[in-house]
PDB file of N, CA and C in Angstrom:
ATOM      1  N   MET A   1     108.934  63.451  74.072  1.00  0.00           N
ATOM      2  CA  MET A   1     109.047  64.897  74.108  1.00  0.00           C
ATOM      3  C   MET A   1     108.585  65.393  75.478  1.00  0.00           C
ATOM      4  N   THR A   2     109.439  66.229  76.126  1.00  0.00           N
ATOM      5  CA  THR A   2     109.064  66.762  77.432  1.00  0.00           C
ATOM      6  C   THR A   2     108.294  68.058  77.220  1.00  0.00           C
ATOM      7  N   GLN A   3     107.338  68.254  78.084  1.00  0.00           N
ATOM      8  CA  GLN A   3     106.527  69.453  77.970  1.00  0.00           C
ATOM      9  C   GLN A   3     107.041  70.491  78.955  1.00  0.00           C
ATOM     10  N   GLU A   4     107.237  71.696  78.477  1.00  0.00           N
ATOM     11  CA  GLU A   4     107.725  72.797  79.290  1.00  0.00           C
ATOM     12  C   GLU A   4     106.595  73.275  80.196  1.00  0.00           C
ATOM     13  N   PRO A   5     106.904  73.584  81.472  1.00  0.00           N
ATOM     14  CA  PRO A   5     105.847  74.091  82.368  1.00  0.00           C
ATOM     15  C   PRO A   5     105.229  75.361  81.798  1.00  0.00           C
ATOM     16  N   GLU A   6     103.929  75.511  82.006  1.00  0.00           N
ATOM     17  CA  GLU A   6     103.210  76.651  81.440  1.00  0.00           C
ATOM     18  C   GLU A   6     103.748  77.981  81.940  1.00  0.00           C
ATOM     19  N   ALA A   7     104.092  78.087  83.231  1.00  0.00           N
ATOM     20  CA  ALA A   7     104.607  79.345  83.786  1.00  0.00           C
ATOM     21  C   ALA A   7     105.910  79.728  83.106  1.00  0.00           C
ATOM     22  N   SER A   8     106.766  78.760  82.829  1.00  0.00           N
ATOM     23  CA  SER A   8     108.038  79.031  82.165  1.00  0.00           C
ATOM     24  C   SER A   8     107.808  79.540  80.754  1.00  0.00           C
ATOM     25  N   ARG A   9     106.901  78.918  80.028  1.00  0.00           N
ATOM     26  CA  ARG A   9     106.577  79.359  78.667  1.00  0.00           C
ATOM     27  C   ARG A   9     106.025  80.774  78.697  1.00  0.00           C
ATOM     28  N   ASP A  10     105.169  81.049  79.675  1.00  0.00           N
ATOM     29  CA  ASP A  10     104.557  82.358  79.795  1.00  0.00           C
ATOM     30  C   ASP A  10     105.615  83.428  80.019  1.00  0.00           C
ATOM     31  N   ALA A  11     106.562  83.165  80.909  1.00  0.00           N
ATOM     32  CA  ALA A  11     107.620  84.130  81.203  1.00  0.00           C
ATOM     33  C   ALA A  11     108.470  84.377  79.966  1.00  0.00           C
ATOM     34  N   GLN A  12     108.761  83.316  79.206  1.00  0.00           N
ATOM     35  CA  GLN A  12     109.580  83.466  78.018  1.00  0.00           C
ATOM     36  C   GLN A  12     108.852  84.241  76.934  1.00  0.00           C
ATOM     37  N   SER A  13     107.552  84.081  76.847  1.00  0.00           N
ATOM     38  CA  SER A  13     106.810  84.766  75.794  1.00  0.00           C
ATOM     39  C   SER A  13     106.787  86.269  76.005  1.00  0.00           C
ATOM     40  N   HIS A  14     107.007  86.726  77.232  1.00  0.00           N
ATOM     41  CA  HIS A  14     107.006  88.152  77.527  1.00  0.00           C
ATOM     42  C   HIS A  14     108.410  88.714  77.634  1.00  0.00           C
ATOM     43  N   ALA A  15     109.423  87.893  77.444  1.00  0.00           N
ATOM     44  CA  ALA A  15     110.801  88.363  77.552  1.00  0.00           C
ATOM     45  C   ALA A  15     111.139  89.248  76.365  1.00  0.00           C
ATOM     46  N   VAL A  16     111.882  90.319  76.644  1.00  0.00           N
ATOM     47  CA  VAL A  16     112.338  91.215  75.592  1.00  0.00           C
ATOM     48  C   VAL A  16     113.848  91.056  75.498  1.00  0.00           C
ATOM     49  N   PRO A  17     114.359  90.651  74.346  1.00  0.00           N
ATOM     50  CA  PRO A  17     115.806  90.455  74.213  1.00  0.00           C
ATOM     51  C   PRO A  17     116.558  91.726  74.560  1.00  0.00           C
ATOM     52  N   GLY A  18     117.620  91.589  75.346  1.00  0.00           N
ATOM     53  CA  GLY A  18     118.460  92.716  75.708  1.00  0.00           C
ATOM     54  C   GLY A  18     117.957  93.559  76.857  1.00  0.00           C
ATOM     55  N   VAL A  19     116.793  93.230  77.393  1.00  0.00           N
ATOM     56  CA  VAL A  19     116.243  93.990  78.518  1.00  0.00           C
ATOM     57  C   VAL A  19     116.311  93.129  79.757  1.00  0.00           C
ATOM     58  N   ARG A  20     116.855  93.712  80.835  1.00  0.00           N
ATOM     59  CA  ARG A  20     117.008  92.974  82.079  1.00  0.00           C
ATOM     60  C   ARG A  20     115.662  92.534  82.613  1.00  0.00           C
ATOM     61  N   ASP A  21     115.654  91.354  83.182  1.00  0.00           N
ATOM     62  CA  ASP A  21     114.449  90.789  83.770  1.00  0.00           C
ATOM     63  C   ASP A  21     113.894  91.768  84.804  1.00  0.00           C
ATOM     64  N   THR A  22     112.597  92.006  84.792  1.00  0.00           N
ATOM     65  CA  THR A  22     111.993  92.956  85.719  1.00  0.00           C
ATOM     66  C   THR A  22     111.486  92.314  86.994  1.00  0.00           C
ATOM     67  N   LEU A  23     111.702  91.011  87.148  1.00  0.00           N
ATOM     68  CA  LEU A  23     111.294  90.358  88.388  1.00  0.00           C
ATOM     69  C   LEU A  23     112.167  90.849  89.527  1.00  0.00           C
ATOM     70  N   PRO A  24     111.670  90.865  90.761  1.00  0.00           N
ATOM     71  CA  PRO A  24     112.472  91.326  91.889  1.00  0.00           C
ATOM     72  C   PRO A  24     113.758  90.505  92.009  1.00  0.00           C
ATOM     73  N   PRO A  25     114.861  91.157  92.457  1.00  0.00           N
ATOM     74  CA  PRO A  25     116.109  90.427  92.604  1.00  0.00           C
ATOM     75  C   PRO A  25     115.986  89.325  93.651  1.00  0.00           C
ATOM     76  N   SER A  26     116.795  88.312  93.514  1.00  0.00           N
ATOM     77  CA  SER A  26     116.780  87.186  94.450  1.00  0.00           C
ATOM     78  C   SER A  26     117.123  87.669  95.855  1.00  0.00           C
ATOM     79  N   THR A  27     116.382  87.191  96.833  1.00  0.00           N
ATOM     80  CA  THR A  27     116.659  87.588  98.204  1.00  0.00           C
ATOM     81  C   THR A  27     117.903  86.903  98.735  1.00  0.00           C
ATOM     82  N   SER A  28     118.427  85.932  97.999  1.00  0.00           N
ATOM     83  CA  SER A  28     119.647  85.280  98.460  1.00  0.00           C
ATOM     84  C   SER A  28     120.886  86.109  98.127  1.00  0.00           C
ATOM     85  N   ARG A  29     120.724  87.194  97.350  1.00  0.00           N
ATOM     86  CA  ARG A  29     121.851  88.040  96.977  1.00  0.00           C
ATOM     87  C   ARG A  29     121.513  89.513  97.199  1.00  0.00           C
ATOM     88  N   PRO A  30     121.162  89.913  98.416  1.00  0.00           N
ATOM     89  CA  PRO A  30     120.725  91.294  98.614  1.00  0.00           C
ATOM     90  C   PRO A  30     121.819  92.315  98.359  1.00  0.00           C
ATOM     91  N   SER A  31     123.080  91.988  98.628  1.00  0.00           N
ATOM     92  CA  SER A  31     124.123  92.983  98.432  1.00  0.00           C
ATOM     93  C   SER A  31     124.357  93.253  96.958  1.00  0.00           C
ATOM     94  N   VAL A  32     124.196  92.251  96.100  1.00  0.00           N
ATOM     95  CA  VAL A  32     124.327  92.472  94.661  1.00  0.00           C
ATOM     96  C   VAL A  32     123.166  93.329  94.172  1.00  0.00           C
ATOM     97  N   ALA A  33     121.956  93.026  94.630  1.00  0.00           N
ATOM     98  CA  ALA A  33     120.794  93.819  94.225  1.00  0.00           C
ATOM     99  C   ALA A  33     120.949  95.257  94.691  1.00  0.00           C
ATOM    100  N   ALA A  34     121.407  95.467  95.914  1.00  0.00           N
ATOM    101  CA  ALA A  34     121.597  96.823  96.434  1.00  0.00           C
ATOM    102  C   ALA A  34     122.660  97.553  95.627  1.00  0.00           C
ATOM    103  N   ALA A  35     123.730  96.868  95.266  1.00  0.00           N
ATOM    104  CA  ALA A  35     124.784  97.488  94.464  1.00  0.00           C
ATOM    105  C   ALA A  35     124.254  97.850  93.085  1.00  0.00           C
ATOM    106  N   ASP A  36     123.407  96.998  92.497  1.00  0.00           N
ATOM    107  CA  ASP A  36     122.825  97.260  91.190  1.00  0.00           C
ATOM    108  C   ASP A  36     121.894  98.466  91.264  1.00  0.00           C
ATOM    109  N   ASP A  37     121.091  98.543  92.316  1.00  0.00           N
ATOM    110  CA  ASP A  37     120.199  99.687  92.499  1.00  0.00           C
ATOM    111  C   ASP A  37     121.002 100.972  92.670  1.00  0.00           C
ATOM    112  N   THR A  38     122.078 100.896  93.430  1.00  0.00           N
ATOM    113  CA  THR A  38     122.927 102.066  93.649  1.00  0.00           C
ATOM    114  C   THR A  38     123.572 102.504  92.343  1.00  0.00           C
ATOM    115  N   ALA A  39     124.040 101.552  91.544  1.00  0.00           N
ATOM    116  CA  ALA A  39     124.631 101.888  90.251  1.00  0.00           C
ATOM    117  C   ALA A  39     123.595 102.569  89.356  1.00  0.00           C
ATOM    118  N   GLY A  40     122.366 102.096  89.386  1.00  0.00           N
ATOM    119  CA  GLY A  40     121.306 102.731  88.605  1.00  0.00           C
ATOM    120  C   GLY A  40     121.052 104.151  89.063  1.00  0.00           C
ATOM    121  N   LEU A  41     121.059 104.353  90.365  1.00  0.00           N
ATOM    122  CA  LEU A  41     120.845 105.686  90.924  1.00  0.00           C
ATOM    123  C   LEU A  41     121.982 106.628  90.532  1.00  0.00           C
ATOM    124  N   VAL A  42     123.213 106.129  90.600  1.00  0.00           N
ATOM    125  CA  VAL A  42     124.376 106.937  90.194  1.00  0.00           C
ATOM    126  C   VAL A  42     124.263 107.314  88.716  1.00  0.00           C
ATOM    127  N   SER A  43     123.811 106.374  87.897  1.00  0.00           N
ATOM    128  CA  SER A  43     123.641 106.640  86.470  1.00  0.00           C
ATOM    129  C   SER A  43     122.599 107.732  86.233  1.00  0.00           C
ATOM    130  N   VAL A  44     121.472 107.647  86.925  1.00  0.00           N
ATOM    131  CA  VAL A  44     120.431 108.669  86.786  1.00  0.00           C
ATOM    132  C   VAL A  44     120.969 110.025  87.238  1.00  0.00           C
ATOM    133  N   LEU A  45     121.718 110.048  88.330  1.00  0.00           N
ATOM    134  CA  LEU A  45     122.321 111.288  88.823  1.00  0.00           C
ATOM    135  C   LEU A  45     123.267 111.877  87.783  1.00  0.00           C
ATOM    136  N   TYR A  46     124.119 111.035  87.213  1.00  0.00           N
ATOM    137  CA  TYR A  46     125.078 111.493  86.207  1.00  0.00           C
ATOM    138  C   TYR A  46     124.344 112.136  85.018  1.00  0.00           C
ATOM    139  N   TYR A  47     123.335 111.447  84.502  1.00  0.00           N
ATOM    140  CA  TYR A  47     122.638 111.969  83.332  1.00  0.00           C
ATOM    141  C   TYR A  47     121.804 113.203  83.657  1.00  0.00           C
ATOM    142  N   ALA A  48     121.295 113.299  84.869  1.00  0.00           N
ATOM    143  CA  ALA A  48     120.570 114.508  85.271  1.00  0.00           C
ATOM    144  C   ALA A  48     121.520 115.694  85.319  1.00  0.00           C
ATOM    145  N   GLN A  49     122.743 115.469  85.822  1.00  0.00           N
ATOM    146  CA  GLN A  49     123.728 116.548  85.859  1.00  0.00           C
ATOM    147  C   GLN A  49     124.142 116.949  84.441  1.00  0.00           C
ATOM    148  N   HIS A  50     124.302 115.959  83.575  1.00  0.00           N
ATOM    149  CA  HIS A  50     124.641 116.249  82.180  1.00  0.00           C
ATOM    150  C   HIS A  50     123.508 117.039  81.516  1.00  0.00           C
ATOM    151  N   SER A  51     122.264 116.629  81.749  1.00  0.00           N
ATOM    152  CA  SER A  51     121.117 117.327  81.175  1.00  0.00           C
ATOM    153  C   SER A  51     121.043 118.765  81.678  1.00  0.00           C
ATOM    154  N   ALA A  52     121.351 118.965  82.946  1.00  0.00           N
ATOM    155  CA  ALA A  52     121.326 120.310  83.514  1.00  0.00           C
ATOM    156  C   ALA A  52     122.360 121.205  82.833  1.00  0.00           C
ATOM    157  N   SER A  53     123.564 120.674  82.631  1.00  0.00           N
ATOM    158  CA  SER A  53     124.595 121.496  81.986  1.00  0.00           C
ATOM    159  C   SER A  53     124.220 121.796  80.537  1.00  0.00           C
ATOM    160  N   GLN A  54     123.588 120.838  79.862  1.00  0.00           N
ATOM    161  CA  GLN A  54     123.132 121.066  78.490  1.00  0.00           C
ATOM    162  C   GLN A  54     122.019 122.109  78.461  1.00  0.00           C
ATOM    163  N   ALA A  55     121.116 122.058  79.423  1.00  0.00           N
ATOM    164  CA  ALA A  55     120.015 123.025  79.477  1.00  0.00           C
ATOM    165  C   ALA A  55     120.557 124.440  79.658  1.00  0.00           C
ATOM    166  N   VAL A  56     121.584 124.602  80.492  1.00  0.00           N
ATOM    167  CA  VAL A  56     122.204 125.923  80.680  1.00  0.00           C
ATOM    168  C   VAL A  56     122.788 126.411  79.356  1.00  0.00           C
ATOM    169  N   ARG A  57     123.537 125.530  78.718  1.00  0.00           N
ATOM    170  CA  ARG A  57     124.193 125.896  77.445  1.00  0.00           C
ATOM    171  C   ARG A  57     123.155 126.302  76.391  1.00  0.00           C
ATOM    172  N   PHE A  58     122.125 125.454  76.231  1.00  0.00           N
ATOM    173  CA  PHE A  58     121.127 125.738  75.204  1.00  0.00           C
ATOM    174  C   PHE A  58     120.282 126.962  75.556  1.00  0.00           C
ATOM    175  N   ALA A  59     120.015 127.185  76.833  1.00  0.00           N
ATOM    176  CA  ALA A  59     119.261 128.376  77.238  1.00  0.00           C
ATOM    177  C   ALA A  59     120.056 129.632  76.907  1.00  0.00           C
ATOM    178  N   ASN A  60     121.354 129.592  77.161  1.00  0.00           N
ATOM    179  CA  ASN A  60     122.207 130.741  76.815  1.00  0.00           C
ATOM    180  C   ASN A  60     122.207 130.982  75.303  1.00  0.00           C
ATOM    181  N   GLU A  61     122.282 129.898  74.530  1.00  0.00           N
ATOM    182  CA  GLU A  61     122.265 130.036  73.070  1.00  0.00           C
ATOM    183  C   GLU A  61     120.912 130.581  72.596  1.00  0.00           C
ATOM    184  N   ALA A  62     119.830 130.115  73.200  1.00  0.00           N
ATOM    185  CA  ALA A  62     118.499 130.600  72.823  1.00  0.00           C
ATOM    186  C   ALA A  62     118.357 132.085  73.143  1.00  0.00           C
ATOM    187  N   ARG A  63     118.869 132.472  74.293  1.00  0.00           N
ATOM    188  CA  ARG A  63     118.784 133.879  74.677  1.00  0.00           C
ATOM    189  C   ARG A  63     119.622 134.741  73.724  1.00  0.00           C
ATOM    190  N   ALA A  64     120.808 134.244  73.355  1.00  0.00           N
ATOM    191  CA  ALA A  64     121.661 134.981  72.411  1.00  0.00           C
ATOM    192  C   ALA A  64     120.974 135.116  71.048  1.00  0.00           C
ATOM    193  N   ALA A  65     120.125 134.141  70.705  1.00  0.00           N
ATOM    194  CA  ALA A  65     119.383 134.178  69.446  1.00  0.00           C
ATOM    195  C   ALA A  65     118.039 134.905  69.603  1.00  0.00           C
ATOM    196  N   HIS A  66     117.838 135.518  70.761  1.00  0.00           N
ATOM    197  CA  HIS A  66     116.619 136.280  71.064  1.00  0.00           C
ATOM    198  C   HIS A  66     115.365 135.414  71.016  1.00  0.00           C
ATOM    199  N   ASP A  67     115.500 134.141  71.421  1.00  0.00           N
ATOM    200  CA  ASP A  67     114.340 133.236  71.494  1.00  0.00           C
ATOM    201  C   ASP A  67     113.997 133.051  72.976  1.00  0.00           C
ATOM    202  N   GLU A  68     113.270 134.009  73.496  1.00  0.00           N
ATOM    203  CA  GLU A  68     112.952 134.038  74.927  1.00  0.00           C
ATOM    204  C   GLU A  68     112.090 132.853  75.342  1.00  0.00           C
ATOM    205  N   GLU A  69     111.147 132.452  74.495  1.00  0.00           N
ATOM    206  CA  GLU A  69     110.275 131.320  74.812  1.00  0.00           C
ATOM    207  C   GLU A  69     111.088 130.048  75.018  1.00  0.00           C
ATOM    208  N   LEU A  70     112.024 129.782  74.098  1.00  0.00           N
ATOM    209  CA  LEU A  70     112.873 128.595  74.222  1.00  0.00           C
ATOM    210  C   LEU A  70     113.783 128.707  75.441  1.00  0.00           C
ATOM    211  N   ALA A  71     114.330 129.879  75.679  1.00  0.00           N
ATOM    212  CA  ALA A  71     115.207 130.084  76.838  1.00  0.00           C
ATOM    213  C   ALA A  71     114.450 129.798  78.137  1.00  0.00           C
ATOM    214  N   LEU A  72     113.218 130.279  78.229  1.00  0.00           N
ATOM    215  CA  LEU A  72     112.414 130.038  79.432  1.00  0.00           C
ATOM    216  C   LEU A  72     112.106 128.553  79.603  1.00  0.00           C
ATOM    217  N   PHE A  73     111.780 127.867  78.504  1.00  0.00           N
ATOM    218  CA  PHE A  73     111.527 126.435  78.561  1.00  0.00           C
ATOM    219  C   PHE A  73     112.765 125.696  79.069  1.00  0.00           C
ATOM    220  N   LEU A  74     113.922 126.046  78.538  1.00  0.00           N
ATOM    221  CA  LEU A  74     115.156 125.365  78.935  1.00  0.00           C
ATOM    222  C   LEU A  74     115.529 125.673  80.386  1.00  0.00           C
ATOM    223  N   GLU A  75     115.237 126.864  80.842  1.00  0.00           N
ATOM    224  CA  GLU A  75     115.477 127.195  82.249  1.00  0.00           C
ATOM    225  C   GLU A  75     114.538 126.412  83.156  1.00  0.00           C
ATOM    226  N   GLU A  76     113.316 126.203  82.713  1.00  0.00           N
ATOM    227  CA  GLU A  76     112.378 125.364  83.466  1.00  0.00           C
ATOM    228  C   GLU A  76     112.904 123.920  83.514  1.00  0.00           C
ATOM    229  N   SER A  77     113.402 123.448  82.398  1.00  0.00           N
ATOM    230  CA  SER A  77     114.000 122.111  82.343  1.00  0.00           C
ATOM    231  C   SER A  77     115.179 122.020  83.303  1.00  0.00           C
ATOM    232  N   LEU A  78     115.980 123.070  83.361  1.00  0.00           N
ATOM    233  CA  LEU A  78     117.112 123.111  84.286  1.00  0.00           C
ATOM    234  C   LEU A  78     116.640 122.977  85.726  1.00  0.00           C
ATOM    235  N   ARG A  79     115.598 123.697  86.101  1.00  0.00           N
ATOM    236  CA  ARG A  79     115.077 123.611  87.477  1.00  0.00           C
ATOM    237  C   ARG A  79     114.596 122.196  87.788  1.00  0.00           C
ATOM    238  N   GLU A  80     113.950 121.544  86.813  1.00  0.00           N
ATOM    239  CA  GLU A  80     113.517 120.161  87.017  1.00  0.00           C
ATOM    240  C   GLU A  80     114.720 119.238  87.203  1.00  0.00           C
ATOM    241  N   CYS A  81     115.767 119.453  86.421  1.00  0.00           N
ATOM    242  CA  CYS A  81     116.993 118.648  86.564  1.00  0.00           C
ATOM    243  C   CYS A  81     117.614 118.869  87.943  1.00  0.00           C
ATOM    244  N   GLU A  82     117.662 120.126  88.367  1.00  0.00           N
ATOM    245  CA  GLU A  82     118.250 120.436  89.671  1.00  0.00           C
ATOM    246  C   GLU A  82     117.470 119.753  90.793  1.00  0.00           C
ATOM    247  N   SER A  83     116.149 119.718  90.665  1.00  0.00           N
ATOM    248  CA  SER A  83     115.322 119.038  91.659  1.00  0.00           C
ATOM    249  C   SER A  83     115.619 117.542  91.658  1.00  0.00           C
ATOM    250  N   ARG A  84     115.724 116.942  90.471  1.00  0.00           N
ATOM    251  CA  ARG A  84     116.022 115.512  90.341  1.00  0.00           C
ATOM    252  C   ARG A  84     117.417 115.203  90.895  1.00  0.00           C
ATOM    253  N   ILE A  85     118.372 116.099  90.649  1.00  0.00           N
ATOM    254  CA  ILE A  85     119.736 115.921  91.159  1.00  0.00           C
ATOM    255  C   ILE A  85     119.726 115.920  92.684  1.00  0.00           C
ATOM    256  N   ALA A  86     119.045 116.879  93.269  1.00  0.00           N
ATOM    257  CA  ALA A  86     118.992 116.976  94.737  1.00  0.00           C
ATOM    258  C   ALA A  86     118.349 115.726  95.329  1.00  0.00           C
ATOM    259  N   ARG A  87     117.270 115.258  94.717  1.00  0.00           N
ATOM    260  CA  ARG A  87     116.595 114.061  95.231  1.00  0.00           C
ATOM    261  C   ARG A  87     117.483 112.824  95.076  1.00  0.00           C
ATOM    262  N   ALA A  88     118.144 112.697  93.924  1.00  0.00           N
ATOM    263  CA  ALA A  88     119.040 111.554  93.707  1.00  0.00           C
ATOM    264  C   ALA A  88     120.181 111.559  94.717  1.00  0.00           C
ATOM    265  N   LYS A  89     120.714 112.724  95.020  1.00  0.00           N
ATOM    266  CA  LYS A  89     121.792 112.817  96.011  1.00  0.00           C
ATOM    267  C   LYS A  89     121.316 112.373  97.392  1.00  0.00           C
ATOM    268  N   ARG A  90     120.094 112.800  97.760  1.00  0.00           N
ATOM    269  CA  ARG A  90     119.551 112.381  99.062  1.00  0.00           C
ATOM    270  C   ARG A  90     119.358 110.868  99.111  1.00  0.00           C
ATOM    271  N   LEU A  91     118.785 110.302  98.036  1.00  0.00           N
ATOM    272  CA  LEU A  91     118.573 108.850  97.988  1.00  0.00           C
ATOM    273  C   LEU A  91     119.906 108.102  98.030  1.00  0.00           C
ATOM    274  N   LEU A  92     120.878 108.590  97.296  1.00  0.00           N
ATOM    275  CA  LEU A  92     122.185 107.944  97.259  1.00  0.00           C
ATOM    276  C   LEU A  92     122.856 107.998  98.628  1.00  0.00           C
ATOM    277  N   ALA A  93     122.801 109.143  99.272  1.00  0.00           N
ATOM    278  CA  ALA A  93     123.397 109.271 100.605  1.00  0.00           C
ATOM    279  C   ALA A  93     122.732 108.315 101.592  1.00  0.00           C
ATOM    280  N   ALA A  94     121.416 108.206 101.525  1.00  0.00           N
ATOM    281  CA  ALA A  94     120.694 107.311 102.435  1.00  0.00           C
ATOM    282  C   ALA A  94     121.088 105.861 102.184  1.00  0.00           C
ATOM    283  N   ARG A  95     121.191 105.478 100.925  1.00  0.00           N
ATOM    284  CA  ARG A  95     121.539 104.086 100.617  1.00  0.00           C
ATOM    285  C   ARG A  95     122.989 103.768 100.940  1.00  0.00           C
ATOM    286  N   LEU A  96     123.873 104.711 100.708  1.00  0.00           N
ATOM    287  CA  LEU A  96     125.281 104.460 101.015  1.00  0.00           C
ATOM    288  C   LEU A  96     125.521 104.372 102.518  1.00  0.00           C
ATOM    289  N   SER A  97     124.703 105.071 103.299  1.00  0.00           N
ATOM    290  CA  SER A  97     124.864 104.997 104.753  1.00  0.00           C
ATOM    291  C   SER A  97     124.401 103.646 105.291  1.00  0.00           C
ATOM    292  N   GLN A  98     123.627 102.897 104.482  1.00  0.00           N
ATOM    293  CA  GLN A  98     123.141 101.578 104.895  1.00  0.00           C
ATOM    294  C   GLN A  98     124.064 100.451 104.446  1.00  0.00           C
ATOM    295  N   VAL A  99     125.056 100.748 103.605  1.00  0.00           N
ATOM    296  CA  VAL A  99     125.949  99.718 103.064  1.00  0.00           C
ATOM    297  C   VAL A  99     127.003  99.356 104.092  1.00  0.00           C
ATOM    298  N   SER A 100     127.189  98.077 104.284  1.00  0.00           N
ATOM    299  CA  SER A 100     128.227  97.603 105.194  1.00  0.00           C
ATOM    300  C   SER A 100     129.583  97.789 104.546  1.00  0.00           C
ATOM    301  N   PRO A 101     130.554  98.385 105.248  1.00  0.00           N
ATOM    302  CA  PRO A 101     131.883  98.555 104.662  1.00  0.00           C
ATOM    303  C   PRO A 101     132.564  97.220 104.388  1.00  0.00           C
ATOM    304  N   ALA A 102     132.118  96.155 105.022  1.00  0.00           N
ATOM    305  CA  ALA A 102     132.719  94.839 104.825  1.00  0.00           C
ATOM    306  C   ALA A 102     131.940  94.032 103.792  1.00  0.00           C
ATOM    307  N   SER A 103     131.267  94.737 102.892  1.00  0.00           N
ATOM    308  CA  SER A 103     130.461  94.060 101.877  1.00  0.00           C
ATOM    309  C   SER A 103     131.308  93.101 101.068  1.00  0.00           C
ATOM    310  N   ASP A 104     130.717  91.985 100.693  1.00  0.00           N
ATOM    311  CA  ASP A 104     131.456  91.009  99.901  1.00  0.00           C
ATOM    312  C   ASP A 104     131.283  91.252  98.407  1.00  0.00           C
ATOM    313  N   VAL A 105     130.677  92.393  98.048  1.00  0.00           N
ATOM    314  CA  VAL A 105     130.502  92.739  96.647  1.00  0.00           C
ATOM    315  C   VAL A 105     131.364  93.953  96.337  1.00  0.00           C
ATOM    316  N   TYR A 106     132.034  93.909  95.206  1.00  0.00           N
ATOM    317  CA  TYR A 106     132.849  95.034  94.787  1.00  0.00           C
ATOM    318  C   TYR A 106     132.771  95.168  93.271  1.00  0.00           C
ATOM    319  N   ALA A 107     133.178  96.323  92.780  1.00  0.00           N
ATOM    320  CA  ALA A 107     133.166  96.560  91.343  1.00  0.00           C
ATOM    321  C   ALA A 107     134.561  96.324  90.788  1.00  0.00           C
ATOM    322  N   SER A 108     134.625  95.582  89.699  1.00  0.00           N
ATOM    323  CA  SER A 108     135.891  95.362  89.015  1.00  0.00           C
ATOM    324  C   SER A 108     136.266  96.640  88.274  1.00  0.00           C
ATOM    325  N   PRO A 109     137.503  96.748  87.788  1.00  0.00           N
ATOM    326  CA  PRO A 109     137.878  97.930  87.006  1.00  0.00           C
ATOM    327  C   PRO A 109     136.978  98.141  85.786  1.00  0.00           C
ATOM    328  N   ALA A 110     136.396  97.077  85.274  1.00  0.00           N
ATOM    329  CA  ALA A 110     135.492  97.190  84.124  1.00  0.00           C
ATOM    330  C   ALA A 110     134.085  97.587  84.548  1.00  0.00           C
ATOM    331  N   GLY A 111     133.830  97.682  85.855  1.00  0.00           N
ATOM    332  CA  GLY A 111     132.518  98.070  86.358  1.00  0.00           C
ATOM    333  C   GLY A 111     131.593  96.910  86.650  1.00  0.00           C
ATOM    334  N   ASP A 112     132.065  95.676  86.463  1.00  0.00           N
ATOM    335  CA  ASP A 112     131.240  94.513  86.764  1.00  0.00           C
ATOM    336  C   ASP A 112     131.197  94.302  88.266  1.00  0.00           C
ATOM    337  N   LEU A 113     130.033  93.887  88.782  1.00  0.00           N
ATOM    338  CA  LEU A 113     129.915  93.599  90.202  1.00  0.00           C
ATOM    339  C   LEU A 113     130.354  92.163  90.450  1.00  0.00           C
ATOM    340  N   LEU A 114     131.274  91.993  91.364  1.00  0.00           N
ATOM    341  CA  LEU A 114     131.831  90.678  91.674  1.00  0.00           C
ATOM    342  C   LEU A 114     131.730  90.415  93.160  1.00  0.00           C
ATOM    343  N   ARG A 115     131.778  89.144  93.521  1.00  0.00           N
ATOM    344  CA  ARG A 115     131.785  88.741  94.937  1.00  0.00           C
ATOM    345  C   ARG A 115     133.211  88.400  95.331  1.00  0.00           C
ATOM    346  N   ARG A 116     133.605  88.853  96.520  1.00  0.00           N
ATOM    347  CA  ARG A 116     134.929  88.502  97.033  1.00  0.00           C
ATOM    348  C   ARG A 116     134.977  87.017  97.285  1.00  0.00           C
ATOM    349  N   GLY A 117     136.093  86.411  96.964  1.00  0.00           N
ATOM    350  CA  GLY A 117     136.280  84.985  97.205  1.00  0.00           C
ATOM    351  C   GLY A 117     135.467  84.104  96.283  1.00  0.00           C
ATOM    352  N   GLY A 118     134.898  84.643  95.229  1.00  0.00           N
ATOM    353  CA  GLY A 118     134.043  83.845  94.363  1.00  0.00           C
ATOM    354  C   GLY A 118     134.360  83.932  92.944  1.00  0.00           C
TER     355      GLY A 118
END
């Protein structure tokens, strides 16, 4: 019987099924890691914009129902979303300006990140 290295057992004992490994991405694949980070940022931006539009809708409904306290809360939530949207846009612009146009990583029509020639 072979004995599994202790570090390997330790890492497996803390693994959560269905959750991506939280260890830093491999330095041998920086363009894939950068693309993954960018996709995450785009996702956060998308959901922040969706949350902002929902906050507007619900604030209007609260105001129509004469619930000023709820309307004010939702408007505050909207301002927080707008701040998050602006910051995400700045981060995204900065990261996209650092991406090489000749990157060997691209997204398939299904959204999977693939390497050219691989």
